[in-house]
Amino acid sequence: MSEPIKIAVIIEGGLVQSVLSAGVPVEYVVIDYDTEGADDADLLDVPQDGGGTVRAFAHRRDAEIDGPFVLAAWDAARDLA
């Protein structure tokens, strides 16, 4: 089996409902920069492209594999890009 694809889902003030994979293993981390009301123990320093870090809430998960749904969603959204 190949190494899982690793992705980061970045949100600020939103809510990720789920992350689905089209039949390949995917590990992902959700990074939320909206830290209002968060316990400092739940925050970490996330490296930034331009250097330095920003405090954010993050958690790591494995994507649920649901190939048919993911492929159908991609087909339906193909004209959005």
N, C-alpha and C. Protein backbone atom coordinates (compact mmCIF):
# COMPACT_ATOMS: atom_id res chain seq x y z
N MET A 1 0.85 -1.19 0.00
CA MET A 1 0.00 0.00 0.00
C MET A 1 0.89 1.24 0.00
N SER A 2 0.50 2.25 -0.74
CA SER A 2 1.30 3.46 -0.84
C SER A 2 1.10 4.35 0.39
N GLU A 3 2.02 5.27 0.56
CA GLU A 3 1.97 6.25 1.64
C GLU A 3 0.71 7.12 1.48
N PRO A 4 -0.03 7.39 2.57
CA PRO A 4 -1.22 8.23 2.45
C PRO A 4 -0.88 9.64 1.96
N ILE A 5 -1.78 10.22 1.20
CA ILE A 5 -1.67 11.61 0.78
C ILE A 5 -1.90 12.46 2.03
N LYS A 6 -1.12 13.48 2.21
CA LYS A 6 -1.26 14.35 3.38
C LYS A 6 -1.70 15.74 2.92
N ILE A 7 -2.79 16.24 3.50
CA ILE A 7 -3.29 17.56 3.14
C ILE A 7 -3.61 18.35 4.40
N ALA A 8 -3.67 19.66 4.25
CA ALA A 8 -4.10 20.54 5.33
C ALA A 8 -5.35 21.26 4.87
N VAL A 9 -6.36 21.30 5.72
CA VAL A 9 -7.60 22.03 5.45
C VAL A 9 -7.56 23.25 6.37
N ILE A 10 -7.53 24.43 5.78
CA ILE A 10 -7.41 25.67 6.54
C ILE A 10 -8.78 26.33 6.61
N ILE A 11 -9.23 26.64 7.83
CA ILE A 11 -10.51 27.34 7.98
C ILE A 11 -10.32 28.51 8.93
N GLU A 12 -11.18 29.48 8.78
CA GLU A 12 -11.22 30.60 9.71
C GLU A 12 -12.67 31.04 9.81
N GLY A 13 -13.28 30.74 10.94
CA GLY A 13 -14.67 31.11 11.15
C GLY A 13 -15.67 30.20 10.47
N GLY A 14 -15.24 29.05 9.98
CA GLY A 14 -16.13 28.12 9.31
C GLY A 14 -16.13 26.76 9.99
N LEU A 15 -16.79 25.82 9.38
CA LEU A 15 -16.91 24.49 9.95
C LEU A 15 -16.76 23.46 8.84
N VAL A 16 -15.81 22.55 8.98
CA VAL A 16 -15.63 21.46 8.03
C VAL A 16 -16.56 20.33 8.47
N GLN A 17 -17.41 19.87 7.58
CA GLN A 17 -18.34 18.80 7.91
C GLN A 17 -17.67 17.43 7.82
N SER A 18 -16.88 17.22 6.77
CA SER A 18 -16.17 15.95 6.61
C SER A 18 -15.16 16.10 5.49
N VAL A 19 -14.22 15.16 5.45
CA VAL A 19 -13.26 15.07 4.36
C VAL A 19 -13.35 13.65 3.83
N LEU A 20 -13.60 13.52 2.53
CA LEU A 20 -13.79 12.21 1.92
C LEU A 20 -12.72 11.97 0.87
N SER A 21 -12.38 10.72 0.66
CA SER A 21 -11.37 10.33 -0.31
C SER A 21 -12.01 9.44 -1.37
N ALA A 22 -11.48 9.53 -2.59
CA ALA A 22 -11.98 8.69 -3.68
C ALA A 22 -11.16 7.40 -3.77
N GLY A 23 -11.15 6.64 -2.70
CA GLY A 23 -10.53 5.31 -2.72
C GLY A 23 -9.05 5.26 -2.44
N VAL A 24 -8.44 6.38 -2.05
CA VAL A 24 -7.03 6.38 -1.69
C VAL A 24 -6.89 6.86 -0.24
N PRO A 25 -5.89 6.35 0.48
CA PRO A 25 -5.73 6.80 1.87
C PRO A 25 -5.28 8.26 1.92
N VAL A 26 -5.96 9.04 2.76
CA VAL A 26 -5.64 10.45 2.94
C VAL A 26 -5.61 10.75 4.43
N GLU A 27 -4.54 11.38 4.88
CA GLU A 27 -4.47 11.90 6.24
C GLU A 27 -4.58 13.42 6.11
N TYR A 28 -5.31 14.03 7.02
CA TYR A 28 -5.44 15.48 6.92
C TYR A 28 -5.39 16.12 8.30
N VAL A 29 -5.01 17.36 8.30
CA VAL A 29 -5.02 18.16 9.51
C VAL A 29 -5.91 19.37 9.23
N VAL A 30 -6.82 19.66 10.15
CA VAL A 30 -7.66 20.85 10.05
C VAL A 30 -7.02 21.91 10.94
N ILE A 31 -6.73 23.05 10.34
CA ILE A 31 -6.13 24.16 11.07
C ILE A 31 -7.14 25.30 11.08
N ASP A 32 -7.55 25.70 12.28
CA ASP A 32 -8.55 26.76 12.43
C ASP A 32 -7.90 27.96 13.11
N TYR A 33 -7.83 29.07 12.38
CA TYR A 33 -7.22 30.28 12.91
C TYR A 33 -8.18 31.10 13.78
N ASP A 34 -9.43 30.73 13.82
CA ASP A 34 -10.40 31.40 14.69
C ASP A 34 -10.29 30.75 16.06
N THR A 35 -9.52 31.36 16.95
CA THR A 35 -9.22 30.76 18.25
C THR A 35 -9.99 31.41 19.40
N GLU A 36 -10.93 32.27 19.09
CA GLU A 36 -11.69 32.95 20.13
C GLU A 36 -12.37 31.93 21.04
N GLY A 37 -12.12 32.04 22.34
CA GLY A 37 -12.72 31.15 23.32
C GLY A 37 -12.02 29.81 23.48
N ALA A 38 -10.96 29.57 22.70
CA ALA A 38 -10.25 28.29 22.78
C ALA A 38 -9.36 28.26 24.02
N ASP A 39 -9.20 27.08 24.59
CA ASP A 39 -8.28 26.87 25.71
C ASP A 39 -6.86 26.88 25.14
N ASP A 40 -5.97 27.62 25.75
CA ASP A 40 -4.60 27.73 25.25
C ASP A 40 -3.92 26.37 25.13
N ALA A 41 -4.32 25.41 25.93
CA ALA A 41 -3.73 24.06 25.87
C ALA A 41 -4.09 23.35 24.57
N ASP A 42 -5.17 23.79 23.90
CA ASP A 42 -5.61 23.18 22.64
C ASP A 42 -4.99 23.84 21.41
N LEU A 43 -4.19 24.87 21.60
CA LEU A 43 -3.61 25.62 20.49
C LEU A 43 -2.17 25.22 20.26
N LEU A 44 -1.71 25.40 19.03
CA LEU A 44 -0.31 25.17 18.71
C LEU A 44 0.17 26.24 17.77
N ASP A 45 1.48 26.35 17.65
CA ASP A 45 2.09 27.33 16.75
C ASP A 45 2.23 26.72 15.37
N VAL A 46 1.51 27.29 14.39
CA VAL A 46 1.52 26.77 13.02
C VAL A 46 2.50 27.61 12.19
N PRO A 47 3.53 26.97 11.59
CA PRO A 47 4.47 27.71 10.75
C PRO A 47 3.76 28.36 9.56
N GLN A 48 4.21 29.56 9.19
CA GLN A 48 3.62 30.30 8.09
C GLN A 48 4.62 30.40 6.93
N ASP A 49 4.10 30.53 5.71
CA ASP A 49 4.94 30.60 4.51
C ASP A 49 5.98 31.72 4.59
N GLY A 50 5.59 32.87 5.08
CA GLY A 50 6.50 34.01 5.12
C GLY A 50 7.43 34.01 6.31
N GLY A 51 7.41 32.95 7.10
CA GLY A 51 8.21 32.88 8.31
C GLY A 51 7.36 33.15 9.54
N GLY A 52 7.84 32.78 10.67
CA GLY A 52 7.11 32.96 11.91
C GLY A 52 6.03 31.92 12.09
N THR A 53 5.26 32.07 13.14
CA THR A 53 4.17 31.15 13.44
C THR A 53 2.93 31.93 13.85
N VAL A 54 1.78 31.26 13.80
CA VAL A 54 0.51 31.81 14.26
C VAL A 54 -0.15 30.76 15.13
N ARG A 55 -0.73 31.19 16.24
CA ARG A 55 -1.45 30.26 17.12
C ARG A 55 -2.75 29.84 16.45
N ALA A 56 -3.03 28.54 16.48
CA ALA A 56 -4.24 28.01 15.85
C ALA A 56 -4.62 26.71 16.54
N PHE A 57 -5.88 26.35 16.38
CA PHE A 57 -6.38 25.06 16.83
C PHE A 57 -6.19 24.09 15.67
N ALA A 58 -5.70 22.89 15.96
CA ALA A 58 -5.49 21.92 14.88
C ALA A 58 -5.80 20.52 15.38
N HIS A 59 -6.31 19.68 14.49
CA HIS A 59 -6.45 18.26 14.82
C HIS A 59 -6.24 17.44 13.56
N ARG A 60 -5.70 16.23 13.77
CA ARG A 60 -5.34 15.34 12.67
C ARG A 60 -6.33 14.19 12.58
N ARG A 61 -6.66 13.81 11.35
CA ARG A 61 -7.62 12.73 11.12
C ARG A 61 -7.25 11.96 9.86
N ASP A 62 -7.92 10.84 9.65
CA ASP A 62 -7.86 10.10 8.39
C ASP A 62 -9.17 10.35 7.66
N ALA A 63 -9.09 10.59 6.36
CA ALA A 63 -10.29 10.82 5.57
C ALA A 63 -11.09 9.53 5.45
N GLU A 64 -12.40 9.69 5.40
CA GLU A 64 -13.30 8.56 5.16
C GLU A 64 -13.25 8.24 3.66
N ILE A 65 -13.13 6.98 3.33
CA ILE A 65 -13.08 6.59 1.92
C ILE A 65 -14.50 6.37 1.41
N ASP A 66 -14.89 7.16 0.42
CA ASP A 66 -16.23 7.09 -0.17
C ASP A 66 -16.10 7.45 -1.65
N GLY A 67 -15.49 6.56 -2.40
CA GLY A 67 -15.17 6.81 -3.80
C GLY A 67 -16.32 7.27 -4.66
N PRO A 68 -17.45 6.54 -4.71
CA PRO A 68 -18.54 6.95 -5.62
C PRO A 68 -19.06 8.35 -5.35
N PHE A 69 -19.24 8.71 -4.06
CA PHE A 69 -19.74 10.04 -3.73
C PHE A 69 -18.74 11.11 -4.15
N VAL A 70 -17.46 10.88 -3.85
CA VAL A 70 -16.43 11.86 -4.18
C VAL A 70 -16.34 12.07 -5.68
N LEU A 71 -16.33 11.00 -6.44
CA LEU A 71 -16.25 11.12 -7.90
C LEU A 71 -17.47 11.82 -8.47
N ALA A 72 -18.65 11.52 -7.95
CA ALA A 72 -19.87 12.19 -8.42
C ALA A 72 -19.82 13.69 -8.10
N ALA A 73 -19.32 14.04 -6.91
CA ALA A 73 -19.21 15.45 -6.53
C ALA A 73 -18.23 16.17 -7.44
N TRP A 74 -17.09 15.53 -7.76
CA TRP A 74 -16.13 16.14 -8.68
C TRP A 74 -16.75 16.35 -10.05
N ASP A 75 -17.49 15.37 -10.55
CA ASP A 75 -18.14 15.52 -11.85
C ASP A 75 -19.13 16.67 -11.83
N ALA A 76 -19.91 16.78 -10.77
CA ALA A 76 -20.91 17.83 -10.67
C ALA A 76 -20.28 19.22 -10.57
N ALA A 77 -19.10 19.31 -9.99
CA ALA A 77 -18.45 20.60 -9.75
C ALA A 77 -17.36 20.92 -10.77
N ARG A 78 -17.24 20.15 -11.81
CA ARG A 78 -16.11 20.32 -12.75
C ARG A 78 -16.06 21.70 -13.40
N ASP A 79 -17.19 22.37 -13.51
CA ASP A 79 -17.21 23.68 -14.16
C ASP A 79 -16.95 24.84 -13.19
N LEU A 80 -16.72 24.55 -11.92
CA LEU A 80 -16.52 25.60 -10.93
C LEU A 80 -15.12 26.18 -10.93
N ALA A 81 -14.16 25.42 -11.44
CA ALA A 81 -12.76 25.87 -11.37
C ALA A 81 -12.48 27.03 -12.29
